[in-house]
C-alpha atoms as a PDB file:
ATOM      1  CA  MET A   1     -29.530 -29.248  -0.938  1.00  0.00           C
ATOM      2  CA  ASP A   2     -28.894 -25.432   0.326  1.00  0.00           C
ATOM      3  CA  PHE A   3     -26.721 -23.623  -1.227  1.00  0.00           C
ATOM      4  CA  MET A   4     -27.912 -20.306   0.581  1.00  0.00           C
ATOM      5  CA  ALA A   5     -26.111 -21.362   4.110  1.00  0.00           C
ATOM      6  CA  LEU A   6     -22.986 -21.873   2.368  1.00  0.00           C
ATOM      7  CA  GLU A   7     -20.328 -19.727   3.499  1.00  0.00           C
ATOM      8  CA  PRO A   8     -17.885 -18.241   1.048  1.00  0.00           C
ATOM      9  CA  SER A   9     -13.653 -20.481   0.845  1.00  0.00           C
ATOM     10  CA  LEU A  10     -11.997 -17.456  -0.271  1.00  0.00           C
ATOM     11  CA  TYR A  11     -10.603 -14.794   2.284  1.00  0.00           C
ATOM     12  CA  THR A  12     -11.460 -11.431   1.340  1.00  0.00           C
ATOM     13  CA  VAL A  13     -10.960  -7.586   2.243  1.00  0.00           C
ATOM     14  CA  LYS A  14     -13.827  -5.364   1.636  1.00  0.00           C
ATOM     15  CA  ALA A  15     -11.190  -1.743   1.319  1.00  0.00           C
ATOM     16  CA  VAL A  16      -7.289  -0.687   2.016  1.00  0.00           C
ATOM     17  CA  LEU A  17      -7.067   2.782   2.805  1.00  0.00           C
ATOM     18  CA  ILE A  18      -4.468   4.502   3.788  1.00  0.00           C
ATOM     19  CA  LEU A  19      -4.472   8.299   5.213  1.00  0.00           C
ATOM     20  CA  ASP A  20      -1.512  10.928   5.930  1.00  0.00           C
ATOM     21  CA  ASN A  21      -1.765  12.357   9.869  1.00  0.00           C
ATOM     22  CA  ASP A  22      -5.338  14.219   9.058  1.00  0.00           C
ATOM     23  CA  GLY A  23      -7.298  11.474   7.693  1.00  0.00           C
ATOM     24  CA  ASN A  24      -6.815  12.180   3.550  1.00  0.00           C
ATOM     25  CA  ARG A  25      -6.483  10.050   1.330  1.00  0.00           C
ATOM     26  CA  LEU A  26      -3.393   8.543   0.014  1.00  0.00           C
ATOM     27  CA  LEU A  27      -4.635   5.492  -1.165  1.00  0.00           C
ATOM     28  CA  SER A  28      -7.251   3.676  -1.474  1.00  0.00           C
ATOM     29  CA  LYS A  29      -9.421   0.634  -3.022  1.00  0.00           C
ATOM     30  CA  TYR A  30     -12.487  -0.472  -2.523  1.00  0.00           C
ATOM     31  CA  TYR A  31     -13.152  -3.370  -3.732  1.00  0.00           C
ATOM     32  CA  ASP A  32     -17.764  -3.866  -2.767  1.00  0.00           C
ATOM     33  CA  PRO A  33     -19.776  -1.853  -4.758  1.00  0.00           C
ATOM     34  CA  GLN A  34     -21.868  -2.332  -2.999  1.00  0.00           C
ATOM     35  CA  LEU A  35     -20.363  -0.701   0.068  1.00  0.00           C
ATOM     36  CA  TYR A  36     -19.352   2.701  -0.227  1.00  0.00           C
ATOM     37  CA  PRO A  37     -21.170   3.735  -4.211  1.00  0.00           C
ATOM     38  CA  SER A  38     -20.077   7.236  -4.091  1.00  0.00           C
ATOM     39  CA  ILE A  39     -16.823   8.978  -2.929  1.00  0.00           C
ATOM     40  CA  LYS A  40     -19.044  11.395  -1.263  1.00  0.00           C
ATOM     41  CA  GLU A  41     -20.131   8.256   0.659  1.00  0.00           C
ATOM     42  CA  GLN A  42     -16.476   6.691   1.104  1.00  0.00           C
ATOM     43  CA  ARG A  43     -14.991   9.800   1.569  1.00  0.00           C
ATOM     44  CA  ASN A  44     -17.279   9.985   4.979  1.00  0.00           C
ATOM     45  CA  PHE A  45     -16.629   6.457   5.591  1.00  0.00           C
ATOM     46  CA  GLU A  46     -12.491   7.499   6.345  1.00  0.00           C
ATOM     47  CA  LYS A  47     -13.284  10.135   8.385  1.00  0.00           C
ATOM     48  CA  ASN A  48     -15.208   7.360  10.297  1.00  0.00           C
ATOM     49  CA  VAL A  49     -12.469   5.166  10.376  1.00  0.00           C
ATOM     50  CA  PHE A  50      -9.982   8.051  11.090  1.00  0.00           C
ATOM     51  CA  ASN A  51     -11.675   9.312  13.395  1.00  0.00           C
ATOM     52  CA  LYS A  52     -12.233   6.646  15.788  1.00  0.00           C
ATOM     53  CA  SER A  53      -8.004   5.002  15.071  1.00  0.00           C
ATOM     54  CA  HIS A  54      -6.220   7.795  15.263  1.00  0.00           C
ATOM     55  CA  LYS A  55      -6.194   8.341  19.218  1.00  0.00           C
ATOM     56  CA  ALA A  56      -6.846   4.995  19.433  1.00  0.00           C
ATOM     57  CA  ASP A  57      -3.580   2.438  21.207  1.00  0.00           C
ATOM     58  CA  ASN A  58      -5.388  -0.645  19.578  1.00  0.00           C
ATOM     59  CA  GLU A  59      -5.349  -2.548  15.734  1.00  0.00           C
ATOM     60  CA  ILE A  60      -8.967  -3.435  15.971  1.00  0.00           C
ATOM     61  CA  ALA A  61     -12.208  -1.352  15.300  1.00  0.00           C
ATOM     62  CA  PHE A  62     -15.320  -2.434  14.287  1.00  0.00           C
ATOM     63  CA  LEU A  63     -17.258   0.252  12.381  1.00  0.00           C
ATOM     64  CA  GLU A  64     -20.721   0.216  10.232  1.00  0.00           C
ATOM     65  CA  GLY A  65     -20.847  -3.667  10.516  1.00  0.00           C
ATOM     66  CA  MET A  66     -16.889  -3.907   9.327  1.00  0.00           C
ATOM     67  CA  THR A  67     -13.745  -5.617  10.720  1.00  0.00           C
ATOM     68  CA  ILE A  68     -10.938  -2.705  10.409  1.00  0.00           C
ATOM     69  CA  VAL A  69      -7.663  -3.835  11.444  1.00  0.00           C
ATOM     70  CA  TYR A  70      -5.031  -0.687  11.293  1.00  0.00           C
ATOM     71  CA  LYS A  71      -1.462   0.296  11.881  1.00  0.00           C
ATOM     72  CA  SER A  72       0.480   3.869  12.057  1.00  0.00           C
ATOM     73  CA  SER A  73       3.554   4.535  11.403  1.00  0.00           C
ATOM     74  CA  ILE A  74       5.222   8.747  11.075  1.00  0.00           C
ATOM     75  CA  ASP A  75       2.452  10.398   9.507  1.00  0.00           C
ATOM     76  CA  VAL A  76       0.470   7.914   7.776  1.00  0.00           C
ATOM     77  CA  PHE A  77      -2.200   5.703   8.302  1.00  0.00           C
ATOM     78  CA  PHE A  78      -2.714   2.067   6.517  1.00  0.00           C
ATOM     79  CA  TYR A  79      -5.897   0.302   6.959  1.00  0.00           C
ATOM     80  CA  VAL A  80      -7.388  -3.264   6.008  1.00  0.00           C
ATOM     81  CA  VAL A  81     -11.449  -3.456   5.971  1.00  0.00           C
ATOM     82  CA  GLY A  82     -13.762  -6.676   6.167  1.00  0.00           C
ATOM     83  CA  SER A  83     -16.384  -7.498   7.301  1.00  0.00           C
ATOM     84  CA  THR A  84     -17.841  -9.123  10.237  1.00  0.00           C
ATOM     85  CA  GLN A  85     -17.440 -12.088   9.598  1.00  0.00           C
ATOM     86  CA  GLU A  86     -14.167 -12.378   8.579  1.00  0.00           C
ATOM     87  CA  ASN A  87     -11.247 -13.333   9.814  1.00  0.00           C
ATOM     88  CA  GLU A  88      -9.244 -11.134  12.134  1.00  0.00           C
ATOM     89  CA  LEU A  89      -5.466 -12.398  11.974  1.00  0.00           C
ATOM     90  CA  MET A  90      -6.321 -13.111   8.143  1.00  0.00           C
ATOM     91  CA  LEU A  91      -6.669  -9.765   7.992  1.00  0.00           C
ATOM     92  CA  MET A  92      -4.003  -8.885   9.988  1.00  0.00           C
ATOM     93  CA  MET A  93      -1.821 -10.448   7.757  1.00  0.00           C
ATOM     94  CA  VAL A  94      -2.829  -8.704   4.941  1.00  0.00           C
ATOM     95  CA  LEU A  95      -1.509  -5.849   7.117  1.00  0.00           C
ATOM     96  CA  ASN A  96       1.814  -6.390   8.105  1.00  0.00           C
ATOM     97  CA  CYS A  97       2.508  -7.681   4.506  1.00  0.00           C
ATOM     98  CA  LEU A  98       1.284  -4.745   2.394  1.00  0.00           C
ATOM     99  CA  PHE A  99       3.262  -2.459   5.486  1.00  0.00           C
ATOM    100  CA  GLU A 100       6.465  -4.854   5.021  1.00  0.00           C
ATOM    101  CA  SER A 101       6.266  -5.313   1.783  1.00  0.00           C
ATOM    102  CA  LEU A 102       6.612  -1.419   1.464  1.00  0.00           C
ATOM    103  CA  SER A 103       8.586  -0.634   4.120  1.00  0.00           C
ATOM    104  CA  GLN A 104      11.464  -3.005   1.820  1.00  0.00           C
ATOM    105  CA  ILE A 105      10.187  -1.371  -1.014  1.00  0.00           C
ATOM    106  CA  LEU A 106      11.090   2.374   0.536  1.00  0.00           C
ATOM    107  CA  ARG A 107      13.601   1.507   2.261  1.00  0.00           C
ATOM    108  CA  LYS A 108      11.973   1.135   6.047  1.00  0.00           C
ATOM    109  CA  ASN A 109      10.995   5.737   4.932  1.00  0.00           C
ATOM    110  CA  VAL A 110       7.144   4.358   5.413  1.00  0.00           C
ATOM    111  CA  GLU A 111       6.453   7.737   5.431  1.00  0.00           C
ATOM    112  CA  LYS A 112       4.050  10.598   3.701  1.00  0.00           C
ATOM    113  CA  ARG A 113       6.436  12.389   1.316  1.00  0.00           C
ATOM    114  CA  PHE A 114       8.395   8.628  -0.112  1.00  0.00           C
ATOM    115  CA  LEU A 115       4.278   6.415  -0.166  1.00  0.00           C
ATOM    116  CA  LEU A 116       3.733   9.853  -2.941  1.00  0.00           C
ATOM    117  CA  ASP A 117       6.700   9.762  -4.769  1.00  0.00           C
ATOM    118  CA  ASN A 118       7.105   5.794  -4.733  1.00  0.00           C
ATOM    119  CA  MET A 119       2.698   5.221  -5.332  1.00  0.00           C
ATOM    120  CA  ASP A 120       3.198   3.551  -8.393  1.00  0.00           C
ATOM    121  CA  GLY A 121       4.660   1.170  -6.597  1.00  0.00           C
ATOM    122  CA  VAL A 122       1.996   1.440  -3.768  1.00  0.00           C
ATOM    123  CA  PHE A 123      -0.427  -0.014  -6.427  1.00  0.00           C
ATOM    124  CA  LEU A 124       1.881  -2.274  -7.563  1.00  0.00           C
ATOM    125  CA  VAL A 125       2.058  -3.621  -3.641  1.00  0.00           C
ATOM    126  CA  VAL A 126      -1.458  -3.636  -3.410  1.00  0.00           C
ATOM    127  CA  ASP A 127      -2.434  -5.074  -6.528  1.00  0.00           C
ATOM    128  CA  GLU A 128      -0.633  -8.078  -5.275  1.00  0.00           C
ATOM    129  CA  ILE A 129      -2.026  -8.684  -2.434  1.00  0.00           C
ATOM    130  CA  ILE A 130      -5.422  -8.395  -3.233  1.00  0.00           C
ATOM    131  CA  ASP A 131      -6.986  -8.776  -6.053  1.00  0.00           C
ATOM    132  CA  GLY A 132     -10.691  -7.820  -6.709  1.00  0.00           C
ATOM    133  CA  GLY A 133     -10.725  -8.279  -2.673  1.00  0.00           C
ATOM    134  CA  VAL A 134      -9.349 -12.135  -3.122  1.00  0.00           C
ATOM    135  CA  ILE A 135      -6.674 -12.128  -0.734  1.00  0.00           C
ATOM    136  CA  LEU A 136      -3.903 -14.380  -2.929  1.00  0.00           C
ATOM    137  CA  GLU A 137      -0.595 -12.871  -0.699  1.00  0.00           C
ATOM    138  CA  SER A 138       0.401 -12.429   2.715  1.00  0.00           C
ATOM    139  CA  ASP A 139       4.769 -13.000   2.671  1.00  0.00           C
ATOM    140  CA  PRO A 140       6.288 -10.131   1.949  1.00  0.00           C
ATOM    141  CA  GLN A 141       8.754 -11.372   0.693  1.00  0.00           C
ATOM    142  CA  GLN A 142       7.073 -13.118  -2.460  1.00  0.00           C
ATOM    143  CA  VAL A 143       5.449  -8.996  -3.111  1.00  0.00           C
ATOM    144  CA  VAL A 144       8.623  -7.702  -3.267  1.00  0.00           C
ATOM    145  CA  GLN A 145      10.243 -10.564  -5.203  1.00  0.00           C
ATOM    146  CA  LYS A 146       6.678 -10.456  -7.767  1.00  0.00           C
ATOM    147  CA  VAL A 147       6.496  -6.382  -7.690  1.00  0.00           C
ATOM    148  CA  ASN A 148      10.631  -6.257  -8.701  1.00  0.00           C
ATOM    149  CA  TYR A 149       9.775  -2.119  -7.953  1.00  0.00           C
ATOM    150  CA  ARG A 150      12.698  -0.073  -7.568  1.00  0.00           C
ATOM    151  CA  PRO A 151      12.485   3.327  -6.134  1.00  0.00           C
ATOM    152  CA  VAL A 152      13.812   6.254  -7.405  1.00  0.00           C
ATOM    153  CA  SER A 153      16.472   8.236  -5.849  1.00  0.00           C
ATOM    154  CA  GLU A 154      17.613  11.189  -5.432  1.00  0.00           C
ATOM    155  CA  GLN A 155      21.158  10.550  -5.730  1.00  0.00           C
ATOM    156  CA  ALA A 156      20.105   7.875  -9.474  1.00  0.00           C
ATOM    157  CA  TYR A 157      19.038  11.531 -10.573  1.00  0.00           C
ATOM    158  CA  GLY A 158      22.558  12.918 -10.270  1.00  0.00           C
ATOM    159  CA  PHE A 159      23.967  10.522 -11.193  1.00  0.00           C
ATOM    160  CA  VAL A 160      21.618  10.894 -14.598  1.00  0.00           C
ATOM    161  CA  LEU A 161      22.359  14.616 -14.372  1.00  0.00           C
ATOM    162  CA  PHE A 162      26.125  13.729 -14.359  1.00  0.00           C
ATOM    163  CA  ASP A 163      26.627  11.702 -17.160  1.00  0.00           C
ATOM    164  CA  TYR A 164      24.238  14.107 -19.291  1.00  0.00           C
ATOM    165  CA  ILE A 165      26.189  17.169 -18.283  1.00  0.00           C
ATOM    166  CA  THR A 166      29.650  15.100 -19.406  1.00  0.00           C
ATOM    167  CA  GLY A 167      28.329  13.411 -22.406  1.00  0.00           C
ATOM    168  CA  ASN A 168      28.760   9.649 -20.151  1.00  0.00           C
ATOM    169  CA  VAL A 169      26.221   7.050 -22.466  1.00  0.00           C
ATOM    170  CA  GLU A 170      26.700   4.479 -20.901  1.00  0.00           C
ATOM    171  CA  GLY A 171      30.236   4.671 -20.747  1.00  0.00           C
ATOM    172  CA  GLN A 172      31.630   6.260 -23.344  1.00  0.00           C
ATOM    173  CA  GLY A 173      31.937   9.218 -21.805  1.00  0.00           C
ATOM    174  CA  ASP A 174      34.839   7.282 -19.573  1.00  0.00           C
ATOM    175  CA  ARG A 175      36.092   5.719 -22.764  1.00  0.00           C
ATOM    176  CA  SER A 176      36.259   9.938 -25.071  1.00  0.00           C
ATOM    177  CA  LEU A 177      37.950  11.186 -21.204  1.00  0.00           C
ATOM    178  CA  ARG A 178      40.812   8.789 -20.918  1.00  0.00           C
ATOM    179  CA  GLY A 179      41.492   9.414 -24.696  1.00  0.00           C
ATOM    180  CA  ALA A 180      42.007  13.177 -24.081  1.00  0.00           C
ATOM    181  CA  LEU A 181      44.060  12.481 -21.237  1.00  0.00           C
END
């Protein structure tokens, strides 16, 4: 039996990239170590991808033997990179899952500042969707539920600071205020 002719049975991704408005890396995960082994090669690839896609209205590009699906939001570009043999619809499902999951976690504020403030959650989402290049999940609701990530808001910091200043620890400050009145 000829095993060389067998196609892989799992849908895979070569890389996931999130770049800012200037093409600078916010997040990049390469799952194929032979694809771009050095940081310099990765940055060149990212620059080429950004230059080809940032002014285009398309959702798909072919570059350097790769199929790239992408989406932009305000000042951020999201890319999912696969081989030319990979199913474009599956890559698009991964991209949409990534974007929708981040949109839910960041409360529809999918922009550079919020991504940078919640980068740990972004990595969790990517890792929940893709593991070692293999696509694990394509449903944003499942990803958000599994990640169970809560972004820290500025308002929460204000309450913590107020509780600290007033000496309120787990509601104990309320009792001391009532006793004083």
